[in-house]
N, C-alpha and C. Protein backbone atom coordinates (compact mmCIF):
# COMPACT_ATOMS: atom_id res chain seq x y z
N MET A 1 9.56 25.82 41.27
CA MET A 1 8.18 25.32 41.12
C MET A 1 8.11 24.34 40.29
N GLY A 2 8.76 24.08 38.69
CA GLY A 2 8.98 24.01 37.87
C GLY A 2 7.89 24.16 36.91
N PHE A 3 7.35 25.15 37.01
CA PHE A 3 6.41 25.54 35.63
C PHE A 3 7.43 25.72 34.96
N THR A 4 7.02 26.07 33.59
CA THR A 4 7.89 26.12 32.16
C THR A 4 6.63 27.86 32.24
N PRO A 5 7.66 28.75 31.34
CA PRO A 5 7.22 29.87 31.24
C PRO A 5 6.05 29.94 30.83
N ARG A 6 5.40 29.52 29.36
CA ARG A 6 4.71 29.40 29.01
C ARG A 6 3.11 28.91 29.99
N GLU A 7 3.37 27.96 31.22
CA GLU A 7 2.75 27.69 32.47
C GLU A 7 2.24 29.08 33.14
N VAL A 8 3.53 30.05 33.59
CA VAL A 8 2.97 30.74 34.36
C VAL A 8 2.17 32.03 33.49
N ASP A 9 2.55 31.75 32.26
CA ASP A 9 2.02 32.72 31.44
C ASP A 9 0.42 32.60 31.03
N ASP A 10 0.13 31.11 31.59
CA ASP A 10 -1.83 31.23 31.06
C ASP A 10 -1.97 30.76 32.74
N MET A 11 -1.70 31.20 33.54
CA MET A 11 -1.90 30.83 34.55
C MET A 11 -2.61 33.14 35.20
N SER A 12 -3.80 32.85 36.25
CA SER A 12 -3.85 34.09 36.96
C SER A 12 -2.56 34.43 37.77
N LEU A 13 -2.80 35.87 38.24
CA LEU A 13 -2.11 36.34 39.65
C LEU A 13 -1.98 35.66 41.00
N TRP A 14 -3.56 34.86 40.80
CA TRP A 14 -4.48 34.16 41.97
C TRP A 14 -3.59 33.00 41.87
N GLU A 15 -3.83 32.42 40.86
CA GLU A 15 -3.14 30.94 41.08
C GLU A 15 -1.54 31.06 40.94
N LEU A 16 -0.86 31.72 40.44
CA LEU A 16 0.21 31.94 40.84
C LEU A 16 0.57 32.28 42.12
N ALA A 17 0.01 33.21 42.64
CA ALA A 17 0.07 33.18 44.21
C ALA A 17 0.01 31.92 45.47
N ALA A 18 -1.48 31.47 44.65
CA ALA A 18 -1.75 30.32 45.04
C ALA A 18 -0.51 29.28 45.51
N CYS A 19 0.28 28.64 44.60
CA CYS A 19 1.01 27.70 44.11
C CYS A 19 2.07 28.16 44.84
N ALA A 20 2.74 29.50 44.70
CA ALA A 20 3.83 30.02 45.53
C ALA A 20 4.14 29.78 47.07
N ALA A 21 2.34 30.42 47.55
CA ALA A 21 2.17 29.87 49.11
C ALA A 21 2.22 28.55 49.02
N GLY A 22 1.32 27.63 48.50
CA GLY A 22 1.82 25.72 48.60
C GLY A 22 3.06 25.56 48.22
N TYR A 23 4.11 25.72 47.16
CA TYR A 23 5.08 25.62 47.52
C TYR A 23 6.38 25.93 48.66
N ALA A 24 5.68 27.44 49.15
CA ALA A 24 6.39 27.36 50.01
C ALA A 24 6.37 26.33 51.54
N LYS A 25 4.98 26.11 51.59
CA LYS A 25 4.58 25.31 52.75
C LYS A 25 4.99 24.17 52.74
N ALA A 26 5.25 23.17 51.65
CA ALA A 26 5.36 21.61 51.00
C ALA A 26 6.81 22.14 51.93
N HIS A 27 7.56 22.71 52.27
CA HIS A 27 9.22 22.66 51.92
C HIS A 27 9.81 23.57 53.00
N GLY A 28 8.77 23.93 53.95
CA GLY A 28 8.86 23.98 55.16
C GLY A 28 8.64 25.17 55.76
N ALA A 29 8.57 26.38 55.04
CA ALA A 29 8.53 27.50 55.10
C ALA A 29 7.44 27.67 56.19
N GLU A 30 7.27 28.64 57.19
CA GLU A 30 6.93 29.04 58.11
C GLU A 30 5.83 30.34 58.10
N ASP A 31 5.25 30.28 58.99
CA ASP A 31 3.93 31.35 58.70
C ASP A 31 4.32 32.43 59.49
N LYS A 32 4.17 33.55 59.00
CA LYS A 32 5.03 34.98 59.39
C LYS A 32 4.51 34.66 61.19
N PRO A 33 5.33 35.15 62.33
CA PRO A 33 4.71 35.37 64.00
C PRO A 33 4.19 36.13 63.87
N PRO A 34 2.59 36.81 65.02
CA PRO A 34 2.18 37.70 64.83
C PRO A 34 3.36 38.62 65.62
N ALA A 35 2.56 39.95 65.16
CA ALA A 35 3.05 41.23 65.46
C ALA A 35 3.87 41.46 67.21
N PRO A 36 4.66 42.15 67.40
CA PRO A 36 4.29 42.06 68.76
C PRO A 36 3.09 43.29 69.76
N THR A 37 2.76 42.98 70.64
CA THR A 37 2.03 44.08 71.23
C THR A 37 2.95 45.18 71.44
N ALA A 38 1.72 46.59 71.51
CA ALA A 38 2.82 48.15 72.09
C ALA A 38 3.55 47.87 72.87
N GLU A 39 2.81 47.11 74.09
CA GLU A 39 3.82 46.81 75.24
C GLU A 39 5.09 46.31 75.25
N GLU A 40 5.59 44.75 74.33
CA GLU A 40 5.81 44.09 74.23
C GLU A 40 7.15 44.89 73.57
N HIS A 41 6.88 45.86 72.15
CA HIS A 41 7.53 46.95 71.54
C HIS A 41 8.51 47.48 72.08
N LEU A 42 7.66 48.24 73.23
CA LEU A 42 8.34 49.44 74.32
C LEU A 42 9.54 48.67 75.21
N ALA A 43 9.04 47.47 75.24
CA ALA A 43 9.72 47.08 76.55
C ALA A 43 11.64 46.70 75.31
N LEU A 44 10.89 46.16 74.59
CA LEU A 44 11.92 45.48 73.32
C LEU A 44 13.25 46.46 72.80
N VAL A 45 12.74 47.50 73.73
CA VAL A 45 12.74 49.29 72.68
C VAL A 45 13.51 49.19 73.98
N GLU A 46 13.53 49.33 75.04
CA GLU A 46 14.13 50.20 76.34
C GLU A 46 15.64 49.04 76.63
N LYS A 47 15.38 47.33 76.16
CA LYS A 47 15.96 47.08 76.43
C LYS A 47 17.53 47.05 75.90
N VAL A 48 16.90 47.41 74.17
CA VAL A 48 18.31 47.80 73.49
C VAL A 48 19.13 49.59 74.16
N ARG A 49 17.76 50.05 74.47
CA ARG A 49 18.59 51.56 74.72
C ARG A 49 19.17 51.14 76.03
N SER A 50 18.72 50.57 76.92
CA SER A 50 19.80 50.02 78.33
C SER A 50 20.89 49.59 77.94
N ARG A 51 20.79 48.18 76.51
CA ARG A 51 22.18 47.83 76.57
C ARG A 51 23.14 48.66 75.59
N ARG A 52 23.40 49.64 74.94
CA ARG A 52 23.72 50.62 74.77
C ARG A 52 24.61 51.82 75.40
N LEU A 53 23.69 51.95 76.23
CA LEU A 53 24.85 52.72 77.43
C LEU A 53 25.49 52.32 78.63
N ASN A 54 25.71 50.74 78.48
CA ASN A 54 26.27 50.02 79.20
C ASN A 54 27.84 49.62 78.88
């Protein structure tokens, strides 16, 4: 991110976290996808299990 060690030492944890989040967003990081619903999860589990049996 380009900060010197002294600049990092002078930051609060909140400031450093905000910088890291902004840096990631500016460089193409994506937000986390939403978690699957319980039904979606169970459907994927069954799909994997059926493939293992074949």
